[in-house]
C-alpha cells in the first residue's frame, strides 16, 4: 500500500506477544504487534522532500546557538561556546556571544530514519543534504537578548515556523523573563512548543530541580495550561511527537547536554518523528491564487532582484507553460502594484522549478516592462487578477496582558507575517453573549470579509479592554496600506503589553478615502476623525 501511495514505511516499535493468552491464534508462535511510520516521499511533481521549520527560542545564554551547532554539525561543545562559532554571522556576535540575527541551518533524514548532517560522511553542502534526504528540518536560530526582541518576533511571524523549541538553561535555577516572553509569543501565534533543558552537565542537582519546578509551574499555569512530560525513552518520544500536533495538551521536555551528548539522540529522533502540521483549508491553499510574502531582498550581479520568503497560498511552476506567468508585486507606499515575472527559483540553495503552499523559497524576478523594481520587506507577490491593499481591518482581539487598559486611540506595532508597522485602534466593542461569535475556524467568503460599510456604527458604545478580556477592534495602519488576508493572526505590541488577534473583516480602501474626505470637510461628523486628521 505504501508503494502504491509513493510513501516510505518502516517499523518504529515491535512487541512480541509471547504469552499464549494474548495470541490471536495459539497455533502460530511468536505473535507480535508493530507500530509503523508511513512517510510521504518525494512527490512526482516536485521531487522535493518534506520540509518542516523549527524556531529555536529562549533567553540569552541558554545555549540555543550551541544546541543548533551540535545538531547541525555533530560537534560537541567544549563548555566555552565553540560549538556555536559556525553559526555566528557578525563580529560583534563573536565578541559578545549574543545572536543578533536569524541564522538558518538544515538537517535531513533518509527513508530509514538515519540523520544526515554535516558530520555525515561525504556531506559538506546544503545541496548534498537535500539530495540524500527524504525529510528536511530547517532550524531557525533566534535572538535571546532583550535588545533584539523585535528580530525574534520578526522570525516567528515572518518565517511561519511549524514548531518552536524553547531552550532553558538548566543551571539558571529559574525561568528568566525573556524565556517567558518567547514562550508567550509562540503560544499567541498558535505554534506548537516543546522544551529543551540544556547544561545539565554543569547544573547541580539543586539547580536543575529548581529549574524544573519553575518550568512545571509556568507550563501548568492557567495562561499556558499544558501538561509537562519529561522524555526518557523511545515510547515517550513517539507519544509526545504524535500528541504535539493532534491535541497539543502535552509539552515534551528534553534534558540534554551539548558537552556530554546526553539525550541528544532522543532529540534527533524526536525531530525525525515530527509530522508536517496540516491546516484545515490545506486543499484550498494549494489551488488558490499565489500569495508570496517577502521576508528578505537581495541584488545579485547578472541576476538582478532576488526575493526570499514563504509561499502562503497557491503554487509557482516556472515550467508550467511556454510563456512566463505575470504576477503583481506590491503594495508600495501609495498602494500600487507592478507587474513582474519569475525567471528562476531556489530552495535551500538548490535550483527548482516548482514550489507549493507552505514552502520557503527564493525567486529571481524582473519587470517585463524593464522598469527598475523597488522592493522592500513586507511586500507580496500575488497571482490574483485584481490585487488590493487595505488601511483598516477588523479583528477578534485578545488582551493577554496590559498594565492598565487598552482604549480606543491606542497605538502599537502590528506584526502580521512580514508586515510590520504601527497601527491605531479606531474602535473597540466587547464580545457579549448576544453578539455572534466571530472566532470561527471556517473561512468566510470574500463578500462577507470585504466590506464598504462604516467600520463601527455610531450607535455602539466604545469601551476598554483589560488583561484577559476579548473584543472586536478596528485597526488602522498609520504609515501605508498593506496586503492582508482574512484569518491571519497578528501580534499587537505596545510597551510591555501582550495582545494578539485574528483578522475577521477587511475594510475597503475606497471607503477609507471617502471617510477621510468627509472628516476633513466636517471634523465633527465622526467621533474618531481627529486621529485621522492629525496624521494628515
Protein backbone atom coordinates (compact mmCIF):
# COMPACT_ATOMS: atom_id res chain seq x y z
CA UNK A 1 0.00 0.00 0.00
CA UNK A 2 2.84 2.40 0.80
CA UNK A 3 4.44 1.68 -2.55
CA UNK A 4 1.24 2.48 -4.42
CA UNK A 5 0.88 5.72 -2.47
CA UNK A 6 4.53 6.62 -3.19
CA UNK A 7 5.33 6.60 0.54
CA UNK A 8 8.10 5.20 2.70
CA UNK A 9 7.31 2.87 5.61
CA UNK A 10 9.46 1.41 8.37
CA UNK A 11 8.88 -0.13 11.78
CA UNK A 12 9.16 2.18 14.78
CA UNK A 13 8.40 -0.28 17.60
CA UNK A 14 7.87 -4.04 17.79
CA UNK A 15 6.44 -6.03 20.70
CA UNK A 16 6.49 -9.84 20.73
CA UNK A 17 3.45 -11.39 22.39
CA UNK A 18 4.97 -14.48 23.95
CA UNK A 19 2.08 -15.26 26.29
CA UNK A 20 -0.44 -17.59 24.55
CA UNK A 21 -3.44 -15.85 26.12
CA UNK A 22 -2.53 -12.68 24.20
CA UNK A 23 -2.02 -14.54 20.91
CA UNK A 24 -4.63 -14.27 18.20
CA UNK A 25 -4.04 -17.88 17.13
CA UNK A 26 -2.48 -20.30 19.55
CA UNK A 27 -1.14 -22.39 16.66
CA UNK A 28 1.06 -19.51 15.43
CA UNK A 29 4.04 -18.87 17.71
CA UNK A 30 5.70 -15.51 18.31
CA UNK A 31 2.75 -13.27 17.55
CA UNK A 32 3.78 -9.63 17.59
CA UNK A 33 2.47 -6.08 17.33
CA UNK A 34 4.34 -3.44 15.35
CA UNK A 35 3.97 0.31 15.07
CA UNK A 36 4.87 1.50 11.58
CA UNK A 37 5.64 5.02 10.44
CA UNK A 38 4.45 5.88 6.93
CA UNK A 39 6.01 8.99 5.43
CA UNK A 40 5.22 10.68 2.16
CA UNK A 41 8.27 10.52 -0.09
CA UNK A 42 9.27 12.98 -2.81
CA UNK A 43 6.19 13.77 -4.86
CA UNK A 44 6.23 13.05 -8.57
CA UNK A 45 5.62 16.71 -9.34
CA UNK A 46 8.23 18.48 -7.25
CA UNK A 47 10.68 15.71 -6.28
CA UNK A 48 11.34 17.61 -3.08
CA UNK A 49 11.50 16.09 0.42
CA UNK A 50 9.08 17.06 3.15
CA UNK A 51 10.32 20.13 5.00
CA UNK A 52 9.40 21.34 8.49
CA UNK A 53 10.64 24.54 10.14
CA UNK A 54 11.59 24.71 13.83
CA UNK A 55 12.35 28.04 15.53
CA UNK A 56 14.76 27.79 18.45
CA UNK A 57 13.71 30.37 21.05
CA UNK A 58 14.68 31.16 24.63
CA UNK A 59 16.50 33.65 26.80
CA UNK A 60 20.07 34.84 26.47
CA UNK A 61 22.89 32.42 27.42
CA UNK A 62 20.51 29.45 27.36
CA UNK A 63 22.58 27.58 24.74
CA UNK A 64 20.39 27.98 21.64
CA UNK A 65 23.20 28.51 19.12
CA UNK A 66 25.33 25.83 20.76
CA UNK A 67 22.48 23.32 20.56
CA UNK A 68 21.90 24.16 16.91
CA UNK A 69 25.61 23.79 16.16
CA UNK A 70 25.67 20.39 17.88
CA UNK A 71 22.67 19.08 15.91
CA UNK A 72 23.65 20.52 12.51
CA UNK A 73 27.41 19.92 12.62
CA UNK A 74 27.64 17.00 15.05
CA UNK A 75 30.46 18.50 17.11
CA UNK A 76 30.42 18.53 20.88
CA UNK A 77 30.82 21.80 22.68
CA UNK A 78 33.84 22.37 24.91
CA UNK A 79 31.88 24.27 27.54
CA UNK A 80 33.05 27.67 26.27
CA UNK A 81 30.76 28.03 23.25
CA UNK A 82 32.97 26.67 20.48
CA UNK A 83 30.02 24.76 19.02
CA UNK A 84 28.23 27.98 18.06
CA UNK A 85 31.11 29.58 16.13
CA UNK A 86 29.93 28.20 12.78
CA UNK A 87 26.54 29.95 13.21
CA UNK A 88 27.59 33.46 14.22
CA UNK A 89 27.44 35.88 11.29
CA UNK A 90 28.82 39.15 12.70
CA UNK A 91 31.96 40.14 14.57
CA UNK A 92 30.07 41.68 17.46
CA UNK A 93 28.21 38.36 17.91
CA UNK A 94 31.52 36.55 18.37
CA UNK A 95 32.74 39.18 20.84
CA UNK A 96 29.57 39.34 22.96
CA UNK A 97 28.21 35.83 22.44
CA UNK A 98 24.70 37.23 21.77
CA UNK A 99 22.98 36.38 18.48
CA UNK A 100 21.56 39.46 16.77
CA UNK A 101 20.19 37.95 13.53
CA UNK A 102 18.18 34.94 12.36
CA UNK A 103 20.52 32.08 11.40
CA UNK A 104 19.43 29.09 9.29
CA UNK A 105 20.69 25.51 9.36
CA UNK A 106 19.24 22.32 7.91
CA UNK A 107 19.46 18.62 8.74
CA UNK A 108 17.93 15.70 6.89
CA UNK A 109 16.69 12.16 7.41
CA UNK A 110 16.73 9.35 4.87
CA UNK A 111 13.85 6.91 4.34
CA UNK A 112 15.23 4.69 7.10
CA UNK A 113 15.28 7.47 9.68
CA UNK A 114 19.06 7.99 9.78
CA UNK A 115 20.29 11.52 10.47
CA UNK A 116 22.09 13.40 7.69
CA UNK A 117 24.06 16.47 8.73
CA UNK A 118 27.49 17.98 8.16
CA UNK A 119 29.04 15.25 10.33
CA UNK A 120 27.81 12.59 7.90
CA UNK A 121 30.43 11.16 5.56
CA UNK A 122 30.69 12.90 2.15
CA UNK A 123 28.35 15.71 3.23
CA UNK A 124 29.68 19.26 3.02
CA UNK A 125 26.92 21.38 1.43
CA UNK A 126 23.20 22.00 1.77
CA UNK A 127 22.68 20.60 -1.72
CA UNK A 128 24.11 17.22 -0.71
CA UNK A 129 21.85 17.09 2.36
CA UNK A 130 18.79 17.78 0.20
CA UNK A 131 19.73 15.19 -2.40
CA UNK A 132 20.11 12.35 0.11
CA UNK A 133 17.18 13.18 2.41
CA UNK A 134 13.53 12.20 2.34
CA UNK A 135 12.75 14.69 5.11
CA UNK A 136 14.34 18.07 5.85
CA UNK A 137 14.29 20.02 9.11
CA UNK A 138 15.05 23.74 8.86
CA UNK A 139 16.31 25.15 12.16
CA UNK A 140 15.96 28.90 12.80
CA UNK A 141 18.22 30.34 15.49
CA UNK A 142 16.59 33.41 17.07
CA UNK A 143 17.91 36.11 19.41
CA UNK A 144 17.67 35.79 23.18
CA UNK A 145 18.85 39.23 24.29
CA UNK A 146 16.07 41.76 25.07
CA UNK A 147 17.79 44.24 22.77
CA UNK A 148 16.92 42.05 19.75
CA UNK A 149 13.38 41.06 20.73
CA UNK A 150 11.91 42.63 17.56
CA UNK A 151 14.20 40.45 15.46
CA UNK A 152 12.91 37.35 17.24
CA UNK A 153 9.30 38.43 16.72
CA UNK A 154 10.04 39.02 13.02
CA UNK A 155 11.42 35.49 12.73
CA UNK A 156 8.38 33.93 14.42
CA UNK A 157 5.86 35.85 12.32
CA UNK A 158 7.69 36.16 9.01
CA UNK A 159 9.10 32.65 8.57
CA UNK A 160 5.95 30.92 9.92
CA UNK A 161 7.70 28.05 11.81
CA UNK A 162 5.83 24.78 12.26
CA UNK A 163 7.23 24.25 15.78
CA UNK A 164 9.04 26.23 18.45
CA UNK A 165 11.85 24.74 20.54
CA UNK A 166 12.08 26.59 23.86
CA UNK A 167 15.63 26.32 25.25
CA UNK A 168 16.07 26.71 29.02
CA UNK A 169 19.38 26.81 30.89
CA UNK A 170 19.48 24.02 33.45
CA UNK A 171 21.91 25.78 35.79
CA UNK A 172 19.89 29.02 35.97
CA UNK A 173 17.69 27.75 38.80
CA UNK A 174 14.71 29.70 37.45
CA UNK A 175 12.86 30.72 34.29
CA UNK A 176 14.06 34.11 33.05
CA UNK A 177 11.74 36.88 31.87
CA UNK A 178 12.86 36.57 28.23
CA UNK A 179 12.19 32.84 28.29
CA UNK A 180 8.63 33.52 29.42
CA UNK A 181 8.37 36.23 26.77
CA UNK A 182 9.35 33.87 23.97
CA UNK A 183 7.02 31.16 25.25
CA UNK A 184 4.07 33.56 25.27
CA UNK A 185 4.90 34.70 21.72
CA UNK A 186 4.76 31.12 20.47
CA UNK A 187 1.51 30.44 22.34
CA UNK A 188 -0.11 33.60 20.94
CA UNK A 189 0.86 32.60 17.40
CA UNK A 190 -0.50 29.07 17.94
CA UNK A 191 2.89 27.45 17.31
CA UNK A 192 3.34 24.02 19.00
CA UNK A 193 6.10 24.19 21.63
CA UNK A 194 8.50 21.67 23.12
CA UNK A 195 11.21 22.38 25.70
CA UNK A 196 14.93 21.53 25.79
CA UNK A 197 16.77 22.00 29.09
CA UNK A 198 20.49 22.42 28.38
CA UNK A 199 23.65 22.49 30.51
CA UNK A 200 22.56 19.52 32.59
CA UNK A 201 26.23 18.58 32.99
CA UNK A 202 27.11 21.93 34.57
CA UNK A 203 23.99 22.19 36.75
CA UNK A 204 23.98 20.91 40.30
CA UNK A 205 21.06 18.68 41.35
CA UNK A 206 19.60 21.56 43.33
CA UNK A 207 19.85 23.99 40.39
CA UNK A 208 18.29 21.50 37.98
CA UNK A 209 15.49 20.71 40.44
CA UNK A 210 14.64 24.39 40.95
CA UNK A 211 14.71 24.99 37.18
CA UNK A 212 12.32 22.11 36.51
CA UNK A 213 9.96 23.20 39.32
CA UNK A 214 9.79 26.71 37.88
CA UNK A 215 9.27 25.29 34.39
CA UNK A 216 6.46 22.97 35.52
CA UNK A 217 4.78 25.82 37.38
CA UNK A 218 4.90 28.02 34.25
CA UNK A 219 3.57 25.35 31.88
CA UNK A 220 0.73 24.39 34.25
CA UNK A 221 -0.34 27.99 34.84
CA UNK A 222 -3.83 28.96 33.58
CA UNK A 223 -2.26 31.11 30.87
CA UNK A 224 -0.40 28.17 29.27
CA UNK A 225 -2.44 25.21 30.60
CA UNK A 226 -0.22 22.40 29.31
CA UNK A 227 0.95 19.08 30.75
CA UNK A 228 4.77 18.85 31.00
CA UNK A 229 6.24 15.43 30.15
CA UNK A 230 9.93 14.64 30.69
CA UNK A 231 11.10 12.45 27.79
CA UNK A 232 13.16 9.49 28.99
CA UNK A 233 12.66 6.63 26.49
CA UNK A 234 11.55 5.81 22.95
CA UNK A 235 7.90 5.24 23.91
CA UNK A 236 7.56 8.74 25.36
CA UNK A 237 9.25 10.23 22.26
CA UNK A 238 6.72 8.58 19.95
CA UNK A 239 3.67 9.51 22.03
CA UNK A 240 4.80 13.12 22.50
CA UNK A 241 5.55 13.59 18.78
CA UNK A 242 2.06 12.37 17.89
CA UNK A 243 0.32 14.41 20.60
CA UNK A 244 2.13 17.66 19.83
CA UNK A 245 0.15 18.16 16.61
CA UNK A 246 -3.06 16.24 17.33
CA UNK A 247 -4.11 17.71 20.69
CA UNK A 248 -1.20 19.84 21.90
CA UNK A 249 -2.09 19.14 25.53
CA UNK A 250 1.40 17.85 26.39
CA UNK A 251 4.72 19.68 26.19
CA UNK A 252 7.70 17.29 25.96
CA UNK A 253 10.82 18.26 27.92
CA UNK A 254 14.29 17.02 26.95
CA UNK A 255 17.20 17.16 29.41
CA UNK A 256 20.34 17.41 27.26
CA UNK A 257 23.99 18.33 27.44
CA UNK A 258 25.91 19.66 24.43
CA UNK A 259 29.21 18.78 26.11
CA UNK A 260 28.47 15.20 27.19
CA UNK A 261 25.94 14.44 24.38
CA UNK A 262 23.36 13.45 26.99
CA UNK A 263 19.96 12.67 25.37
CA UNK A 264 20.93 14.38 22.09
CA UNK A 265 19.94 11.18 20.29
CA UNK A 266 16.44 11.44 21.83
CA UNK A 267 16.07 14.97 20.44
CA UNK A 268 17.27 13.91 16.98
CA UNK A 269 14.83 11.00 16.97
CA UNK A 270 12.05 13.38 18.03
CA UNK A 271 12.82 15.68 15.07
CA UNK A 272 12.61 12.71 12.75
CA UNK A 273 9.14 11.73 14.02
CA UNK A 274 7.61 15.22 13.91
CA UNK A 275 5.00 15.44 11.14
CA UNK A 276 4.26 18.42 8.95
CA UNK A 277 1.27 20.23 10.51
CA UNK A 278 -1.66 20.43 8.12
CA UNK A 279 -4.16 23.27 8.05
CA UNK A 280 -7.90 22.76 7.86
CA UNK A 281 -8.11 24.52 4.48
CA UNK A 282 -4.91 22.98 3.12
CA UNK A 283 -6.51 21.94 -0.20
CA UNK A 284 -7.80 25.47 -0.79
CA UNK A 285 -4.37 26.91 -0.08
CA UNK A 286 -2.77 24.67 -2.70
CA UNK A 287 -5.16 25.57 -5.53
CA UNK A 288 -5.74 29.23 -4.60
CA UNK A 289 -4.07 32.24 -6.21
CA UNK A 290 -0.41 32.81 -5.39
CA UNK A 291 0.40 34.76 -2.20
CA UNK A 292 4.14 35.01 -1.55
CA UNK A 293 5.23 37.18 1.38
CA UNK A 294 8.66 38.80 1.04
CA UNK A 295 10.93 38.46 4.05
CA UNK A 296 14.33 39.33 2.52
CA UNK A 297 15.55 41.19 -0.56
CA UNK A 298 18.86 40.75 -2.40
CA UNK A 299 20.52 42.13 -5.52
CA UNK A 300 22.92 39.78 -7.34
CA UNK A 301 25.20 40.56 -10.30
CA UNK A 302 23.96 39.13 -13.63
CA UNK A 303 20.76 38.01 -11.89
CA UNK A 304 19.06 41.15 -10.63
CA UNK A 305 16.50 41.32 -7.87
CA UNK A 306 16.11 38.21 -5.69
CA UNK A 307 13.40 37.92 -3.04
CA UNK A 308 13.07 35.33 -0.28
CA UNK A 309 10.10 34.40 1.84
CA UNK A 310 7.23 31.98 2.42
CA UNK A 311 4.68 30.93 -0.19
CA UNK A 312 1.47 31.24 1.82
CA UNK A 313 -1.01 30.18 -0.85
CA UNK A 314 -1.02 28.62 -4.30
CA UNK A 315 1.88 27.16 -6.26
CA UNK A 316 4.53 28.55 -8.62
CA UNK A 317 5.71 26.49 -11.58
CA UNK A 318 8.15 28.25 -13.91
CA UNK A 319 7.96 25.33 -16.37
CA UNK A 320 4.21 25.07 -16.43
CA UNK A 321 3.73 26.90 -19.74
CA UNK A 322 5.72 28.18 -22.68
CA UNK A 323 5.19 31.85 -21.69
CA UNK A 324 6.20 33.07 -18.20
CA UNK A 325 3.36 33.86 -15.81
CA UNK A 326 2.88 37.51 -14.82
CA UNK A 327 2.44 38.35 -11.13
CA UNK A 328 1.76 41.53 -9.18
CA UNK A 329 4.33 42.96 -6.75
CA UNK A 330 3.28 45.37 -4.02
CA UNK A 331 1.83 47.33 -2.47
CA UNK A 332 4.15 50.33 -2.35
CA UNK A 333 3.69 53.34 -0.10
CA UNK A 334 0.91 54.60 -2.39
CA UNK A 335 -0.89 51.27 -2.54
CA UNK A 336 0.12 50.48 -6.13
CA UNK A 337 1.19 47.16 -7.68
CA UNK A 338 3.58 46.48 -10.58
CA UNK A 339 3.87 43.54 -12.95
CA UNK A 340 6.78 41.11 -12.51
CA UNK A 341 7.87 37.72 -13.86
CA UNK A 342 9.83 34.91 -12.21
CA UNK A 343 12.95 33.75 -14.04
CA UNK A 344 14.30 31.16 -11.57
CA UNK A 345 13.72 29.66 -8.12
CA UNK A 346 15.91 28.15 -5.41
CA UNK A 347 15.10 26.17 -2.27
CA UNK A 348 17.85 25.55 0.27
CA UNK A 349 20.36 26.76 -2.33
CA UNK A 350 19.18 24.22 -4.92
CA UNK A 351 17.54 25.26 -8.21
CA UNK A 352 13.92 24.10 -8.50
CA UNK A 353 11.09 24.80 -10.89
CA UNK A 354 8.12 24.20 -8.57
CA UNK A 355 7.07 25.43 -5.11
CA UNK A 356 3.79 24.93 -3.28
CA UNK A 357 1.97 26.45 -0.33
CA UNK A 358 3.86 26.49 2.97
CA UNK A 359 7.35 26.26 1.47
CA UNK A 360 10.16 28.78 1.78
CA UNK A 361 11.88 29.74 -1.44
CA UNK A 362 13.82 32.49 -3.19
CA UNK A 363 12.68 33.96 -6.51
CA UNK A 364 14.66 35.84 -9.12
CA UNK A 365 12.20 38.40 -10.51
CA UNK A 366 12.28 41.02 -13.24
CA UNK A 367 9.92 43.56 -14.75
CA UNK A 368 8.52 42.73 -18.21
CA UNK A 369 8.46 46.50 -18.88
CA UNK A 370 12.17 46.75 -17.99
CA UNK A 371 11.41 49.10 -15.14
CA UNK A 372 13.57 49.32 -12.05
CA UNK A 373 11.92 47.42 -9.24
CA UNK A 374 11.68 48.99 -5.80
CA UNK A 375 11.23 46.01 -3.47
CA UNK A 376 11.15 46.04 0.30
CA UNK A 377 10.38 43.67 3.11
CA UNK A 378 6.65 43.35 3.74
CA UNK A 379 5.55 43.34 0.11
CA UNK A 380 3.75 40.44 -1.55
CA UNK A 381 3.88 38.64 -4.89
CA UNK A 382 0.27 37.97 -5.88
CA UNK A 383 -1.26 35.81 -8.59
CA UNK A 384 -4.73 37.32 -8.42
CA UNK A 385 -6.17 39.40 -11.26
CA UNK A 386 -7.23 42.34 -9.08
CA UNK A 387 -4.80 42.86 -6.17
CA UNK A 388 -5.99 45.07 -3.31
CA UNK A 389 -4.42 46.61 -0.24
CA UNK A 390 -6.00 47.89 2.94
CA UNK A 391 -5.54 50.56 5.57
CA UNK A 392 -8.11 49.19 8.01
CA UNK A 393 -9.21 45.79 9.20
CA UNK A 394 -11.47 44.36 11.88
CA UNK A 395 -10.15 41.65 14.20
CA UNK A 396 -11.15 39.36 17.02
CA UNK A 397 -8.77 40.81 19.61
CA UNK A 398 -7.42 39.29 22.84
CA UNK A 399 -5.56 41.18 25.56
CA UNK A 400 -3.19 38.74 27.19
CA UNK A 401 -1.56 41.30 29.48
CA UNK A 402 -1.69 45.07 29.86
CA UNK A 403 -0.55 47.34 32.69
CA UNK A 404 -3.88 49.19 32.80
CA UNK A 405 -6.40 49.02 29.94
CA UNK A 406 -6.32 49.29 26.16
CA UNK A 407 -8.62 52.05 24.98
CA UNK A 408 -9.71 53.49 21.67
CA UNK A 409 -6.91 55.51 20.07
CA UNK A 410 -4.11 53.34 21.48
CA UNK A 411 -1.12 52.93 19.16
CA UNK A 412 1.23 49.98 18.88
CA UNK A 413 3.27 47.90 16.49
CA UNK A 414 1.44 45.25 14.46
CA UNK A 415 3.39 42.12 13.49
CA UNK A 416 1.41 40.35 10.79
CA UNK A 417 3.54 37.97 8.76
CA UNK A 418 6.15 40.10 7.04
CA UNK A 419 4.04 43.25 7.55
CA UNK A 420 5.35 45.26 10.49
CA UNK A 421 4.19 48.82 11.01
CA UNK A 422 2.46 50.99 13.65
CA UNK A 423 -1.32 50.92 13.85
CA UNK A 424 -4.02 52.70 15.82
CA UNK A 425 -7.11 51.18 17.41
CA UNK A 426 -10.05 53.08 15.91
CA UNK A 427 -12.83 51.42 17.90
CA UNK A 428 -13.47 48.66 20.42
CA UNK A 429 -16.51 46.52 21.09
CA UNK A 430 -16.66 43.94 23.82
CA UNK A 431 -17.82 40.44 22.99
CA UNK A 432 -21.22 39.78 24.59
CA UNK A 433 -23.44 36.73 24.73
CA UNK A 434 -25.94 38.28 22.32
CA UNK A 435 -23.35 39.03 19.65
CA UNK A 436 -22.42 36.37 17.09
CA UNK A 437 -19.14 34.63 17.80
CA UNK A 438 -16.61 35.61 15.15
CA UNK A 439 -13.85 33.30 16.34
CA UNK A 440 -14.77 30.56 13.87
CA UNK A 441 -12.30 28.32 12.10
CA UNK A 442 -14.32 28.37 8.90
CA UNK A 443 -13.13 30.70 6.18
CA UNK A 444 -15.79 33.29 5.33
CA UNK A 445 -16.42 34.26 1.75
CA UNK A 446 -14.75 37.26 0.21
CA UNK A 447 -18.06 39.12 0.05
CA UNK A 448 -18.55 38.69 3.79
CA UNK A 449 -14.99 39.73 4.67
CA UNK A 450 -14.62 42.76 2.40
CA UNK A 451 -16.99 45.50 3.45
CA UNK A 452 -17.66 49.01 2.23
CA UNK A 453 -19.86 49.86 5.17
CA UNK A 454 -18.65 52.05 8.03
CA UNK A 455 -16.37 50.04 10.28
CA UNK A 456 -18.21 50.77 13.53
CA UNK A 457 -21.82 52.00 13.79
CA UNK A 458 -22.13 55.17 15.87
CA UNK A 459 -24.88 53.63 17.96
CA UNK A 460 -22.42 51.19 19.55
CA UNK A 461 -20.55 52.43 22.59
CA UNK A 462 -16.79 52.11 22.58
CA UNK A 463 -15.18 50.65 25.66
CA UNK A 464 -11.86 49.49 27.05
CA UNK A 465 -10.25 46.08 27.33
CA UNK A 466 -8.29 44.91 30.36
CA UNK A 467 -5.99 41.92 30.75
CA UNK A 468 -7.75 38.66 29.92
CA UNK A 469 -10.62 40.36 28.04
CA UNK A 470 -11.62 39.93 24.42
CA UNK A 471 -13.29 42.26 21.95
CA UNK A 472 -13.89 43.27 18.35
CA UNK A 473 -11.47 46.01 17.32
CA UNK A 474 -10.87 48.01 14.17
CA UNK A 475 -7.21 48.79 13.42
CA UNK A 476 -5.79 51.34 11.02
CA UNK A 477 -2.22 51.41 9.70
CA UNK A 478 -0.56 54.74 10.41
CA UNK A 479 2.07 54.75 7.64
CA UNK A 480 0.95 52.97 4.47
CA UNK A 481 -1.51 50.33 3.26
CA UNK A 482 -0.61 46.65 3.33
CA UNK A 483 -1.82 43.44 1.80
CA UNK A 484 -3.96 41.48 4.28
CA UNK A 485 -5.98 38.28 4.26
CA UNK A 486 -8.80 37.05 6.46
CA UNK A 487 -7.99 34.60 9.30
CA UNK A 488 -4.39 35.85 9.54
CA UNK A 489 -3.05 36.00 13.08
CA UNK A 490 -1.10 39.01 14.31
CA UNK A 491 0.58 40.45 17.39
CA UNK A 492 -0.07 43.91 18.77
CA UNK A 493 2.87 45.14 20.86
CA UNK A 494 2.52 48.27 22.99
CA UNK A 495 5.30 48.62 25.52
CA UNK A 496 5.20 45.59 27.78
CA UNK A 497 1.62 44.69 26.82
CA UNK A 498 0.90 41.40 25.05
CA UNK A 499 -2.05 41.30 22.68
CA UNK A 500 -2.94 39.15 19.71
CA UNK A 501 -5.82 38.73 17.32
CA UNK A 502 -7.25 37.23 14.16
CA UNK A 503 -8.49 39.25 11.18
CA UNK A 504 -12.20 38.74 10.59
CA UNK A 505 -13.03 41.50 8.10
CA UNK A 506 -11.18 43.73 5.64
CA UNK A 507 -12.37 47.31 5.14
CA UNK A 508 -12.17 48.63 1.59
CA UNK A 509 -9.60 51.36 0.98
CA UNK A 510 -12.17 53.23 -1.13
CA UNK A 511 -14.43 53.63 1.89
CA UNK A 512 -11.43 54.73 3.95
CA UNK A 513 -10.63 57.52 1.48
CA UNK A 514 -14.27 58.66 1.39
CA UNK A 515 -14.39 58.82 5.18
CA UNK A 516 -11.15 60.81 5.33
CA UNK A 517 -12.60 63.34 2.86
CA UNK A 518 -15.74 63.61 4.98
CA UNK A 519 -13.66 64.12 8.11
CA UNK A 520 -11.69 66.97 6.50
CA UNK A 521 -14.90 68.67 5.35
CA UNK A 522 -16.68 68.29 8.68
CA UNK A 523 -14.38 67.14 11.51
CA UNK A 524 -17.24 66.73 13.98
CA UNK A 525 -19.23 64.19 11.96
CA UNK A 526 -17.32 61.15 13.17
CA UNK A 527 -16.10 60.78 16.72
CA UNK A 528 -12.68 59.39 15.92
CA UNK A 529 -11.95 61.69 12.93
CA UNK A 530 -9.39 63.79 14.82
CA UNK A 531 -6.88 60.95 14.81
CA UNK A 532 -7.07 60.68 11.02
CA UNK A 533 -6.76 64.45 10.51
CA UNK A 534 -3.75 64.71 12.81
CA UNK A 535 -1.99 62.08 10.73
CA UNK A 536 -2.74 64.08 7.55
